[in-house]
Amino acid sequence: MVKGRAKGMLKALMLGIAIQEGRVHGYMVYKRLVGFGGGRWRPSIGTIYRMLNEMVEEGLLERRVEARGRRSVAYYTPTERGVSEFLERSRTFLERVQTGLSLLTATLKRLRSMGVVDVEVEERVKKLHRLLGDYVG
């Protein structure tokens, strides 16, 4: 069971996937989430379907069931409310990331001047900066 902030983050990721794709089914969302985590994080497929259904009840997604041979597949599309929810969650997330990244960058510079270097942390911060540069550049 996913709770609290983790549930909020998972919901934002799932909305983002639905917005990017335009129409998704549960297994597609699962595969994309596993891909984001590099295989290190695997939410249960049951959690994915439960949250998709919750988002339908909240009016964030619309569900349409289509027959595929002898089985049915539920497809989910984002609603206007879902897009608004995604943008609001994105604003909150980005405010936190911006604050954290500023503090982290300044602290890493100070540590480096003291002779303390963590290559893994520095590489991850550089990667974040590159990703952000790619987005705005």
Protein backbone atom coordinates (compact mmCIF):
# COMPACT_ATOMS: atom_id res chain seq x y z
CA MET A 1 0.00 0.00 0.00
CA VAL A 2 1.39 3.39 -1.00
CA LYS A 3 0.77 6.20 1.50
CA GLY A 4 1.29 9.93 1.96
CA ARG A 5 3.85 11.73 -0.13
CA ALA A 6 4.82 8.58 -2.00
CA LYS A 7 1.23 8.21 -3.13
CA GLY A 8 1.14 11.85 -4.20
CA MET A 9 4.34 11.45 -6.18
CA LEU A 10 3.13 8.24 -7.78
CA LYS A 11 -0.14 9.94 -8.74
CA ALA A 12 1.77 12.84 -10.33
CA LEU A 13 3.99 10.43 -12.27
CA MET A 14 1.00 8.46 -13.48
CA LEU A 15 -0.82 11.62 -14.56
CA GLY A 16 2.33 12.75 -16.37
CA ILE A 17 2.52 9.46 -18.26
CA ALA A 18 -1.16 9.69 -19.21
CA ILE A 19 -0.69 13.27 -20.42
CA GLN A 20 2.43 12.37 -22.43
CA GLU A 21 0.82 9.38 -24.08
CA GLY A 22 -2.71 10.75 -24.39
CA ARG A 23 -4.17 7.30 -23.70
CA VAL A 24 -2.73 4.54 -21.53
CA HIS A 25 -3.59 1.17 -20.07
CA GLY A 26 -2.43 -0.04 -16.68
CA TYR A 27 0.41 -2.25 -17.87
CA MET A 28 1.82 0.59 -20.01
CA VAL A 29 1.87 2.84 -16.94
CA TYR A 30 3.59 0.08 -14.94
CA LYS A 31 6.30 -0.42 -17.58
CA ARG A 32 6.99 3.32 -17.80
CA LEU A 33 7.26 3.62 -14.00
CA VAL A 34 9.67 0.68 -13.82
CA GLY A 35 11.70 2.33 -16.60
CA PHE A 36 11.92 5.59 -14.63
CA GLY A 37 13.36 3.73 -11.67
CA GLY A 38 15.88 1.88 -13.80
CA GLY A 39 14.33 -1.35 -12.57
CA ARG A 40 15.26 -0.57 -8.95
CA TRP A 41 11.71 0.45 -8.05
CA ARG A 42 8.77 -1.75 -8.96
CA PRO A 43 5.36 -0.64 -7.75
CA SER A 44 2.89 -3.51 -7.64
CA ILE A 45 0.60 -3.80 -10.65
CA GLY A 46 -2.30 -3.92 -8.17
CA THR A 47 -1.28 -0.52 -6.79
CA ILE A 48 -1.17 0.90 -10.32
CA TYR A 49 -4.69 -0.30 -11.16
CA ARG A 50 -6.04 0.78 -7.77
CA MET A 51 -4.63 4.28 -8.24
CA LEU A 52 -5.88 4.50 -11.84
CA ASN A 53 -9.37 3.68 -10.57
CA GLU A 54 -9.05 6.24 -7.74
CA MET A 55 -8.05 8.87 -10.28
CA VAL A 56 -11.12 8.02 -12.36
CA GLU A 57 -13.30 8.47 -9.24
CA GLU A 58 -11.58 11.83 -8.56
CA GLY A 59 -12.26 12.99 -12.12
CA LEU A 60 -8.56 13.12 -13.06
CA LEU A 61 -8.82 10.40 -15.69
CA GLU A 62 -11.56 8.97 -17.87
CA ARG A 63 -11.76 5.22 -18.35
CA ARG A 64 -12.95 3.54 -21.54
CA VAL A 65 -13.10 -0.23 -21.86
CA GLU A 66 -12.49 -1.73 -25.30
CA ALA A 67 -12.87 -5.33 -26.43
CA ARG A 68 -9.61 -6.92 -27.59
CA GLY A 69 -10.45 -10.38 -28.87
CA ARG A 70 -11.72 -12.42 -25.94
CA ARG A 71 -10.67 -9.90 -23.34
CA SER A 72 -11.32 -6.27 -22.51
CA VAL A 73 -8.72 -3.55 -21.98
CA ALA A 74 -9.35 -0.40 -19.93
CA TYR A 75 -7.79 2.73 -21.40
CA TYR A 76 -7.34 5.92 -19.42
CA THR A 77 -7.17 9.47 -20.75
CA PRO A 78 -6.45 12.63 -18.75
CA THR A 79 -9.26 15.09 -18.07
CA GLU A 80 -8.91 18.86 -17.80
CA ARG A 81 -9.04 18.41 -14.05
CA GLY A 82 -6.25 15.82 -14.32
CA VAL A 83 -4.07 18.25 -16.27
CA SER A 84 -4.72 20.97 -13.66
CA GLU A 85 -3.88 18.54 -10.86
CA PHE A 86 -0.64 17.55 -12.61
CA LEU A 87 0.39 21.20 -13.04
CA GLU A 88 -0.37 22.02 -9.41
CA ARG A 89 1.62 19.02 -8.16
CA SER A 90 4.43 20.00 -10.54
CA ARG A 91 4.57 23.53 -9.12
CA THR A 92 4.84 22.20 -5.57
CA PHE A 93 7.45 19.61 -6.54
CA LEU A 94 9.54 22.15 -8.48
CA GLU A 95 9.51 24.61 -5.58
CA ARG A 96 10.93 21.90 -3.33
CA VAL A 97 13.46 20.74 -5.93
CA GLN A 98 14.62 24.30 -6.61
CA THR A 99 15.18 24.96 -2.91
CA GLY A 100 16.88 21.62 -2.36
CA LEU A 101 19.07 21.88 -5.45
CA SER A 102 20.22 25.39 -4.52
CA LEU A 103 21.15 24.27 -1.02
CA LEU A 104 22.76 21.07 -2.26
CA THR A 105 24.84 22.85 -4.90
CA ALA A 106 26.10 25.49 -2.44
CA THR A 107 26.92 22.85 0.17
CA LEU A 108 28.78 20.66 -2.33
CA LYS A 109 30.88 23.68 -3.38
CA ARG A 110 31.72 24.35 0.27
CA LEU A 111 32.61 20.70 0.88
CA ARG A 112 34.81 20.66 -2.22
CA SER A 113 36.69 23.72 -0.91
CA MET A 114 37.28 21.74 2.30
CA GLY A 115 38.64 18.80 0.30
CA VAL A 116 35.56 16.61 0.73
CA VAL A 117 34.28 15.19 -2.56
CA ASP A 118 31.53 12.67 -3.19
CA VAL A 119 31.79 11.82 -6.88
CA GLU A 120 28.43 10.01 -7.02
CA VAL A 121 26.51 12.93 -5.50
CA GLU A 122 28.32 15.45 -7.69
CA GLU A 123 27.60 13.44 -10.83
CA ARG A 124 23.91 13.23 -9.97
CA VAL A 125 23.74 16.99 -9.40
CA LYS A 126 25.52 17.59 -12.72
CA LYS A 127 23.04 15.28 -14.43
CA LEU A 128 20.14 17.26 -12.96
CA HIS A 129 21.68 20.51 -14.19
CA ARG A 130 22.15 18.99 -17.67
CA LEU A 131 18.55 17.79 -17.74
CA LEU A 132 17.33 21.21 -16.76
CA GLY A 133 19.63 22.82 -19.33
CA ASP A 134 18.27 20.51 -22.03
CA TYR A 135 14.74 21.51 -21.11
CA VAL A 136 15.30 25.27 -21.26
CA GLY A 137 18.06 25.22 -23.83
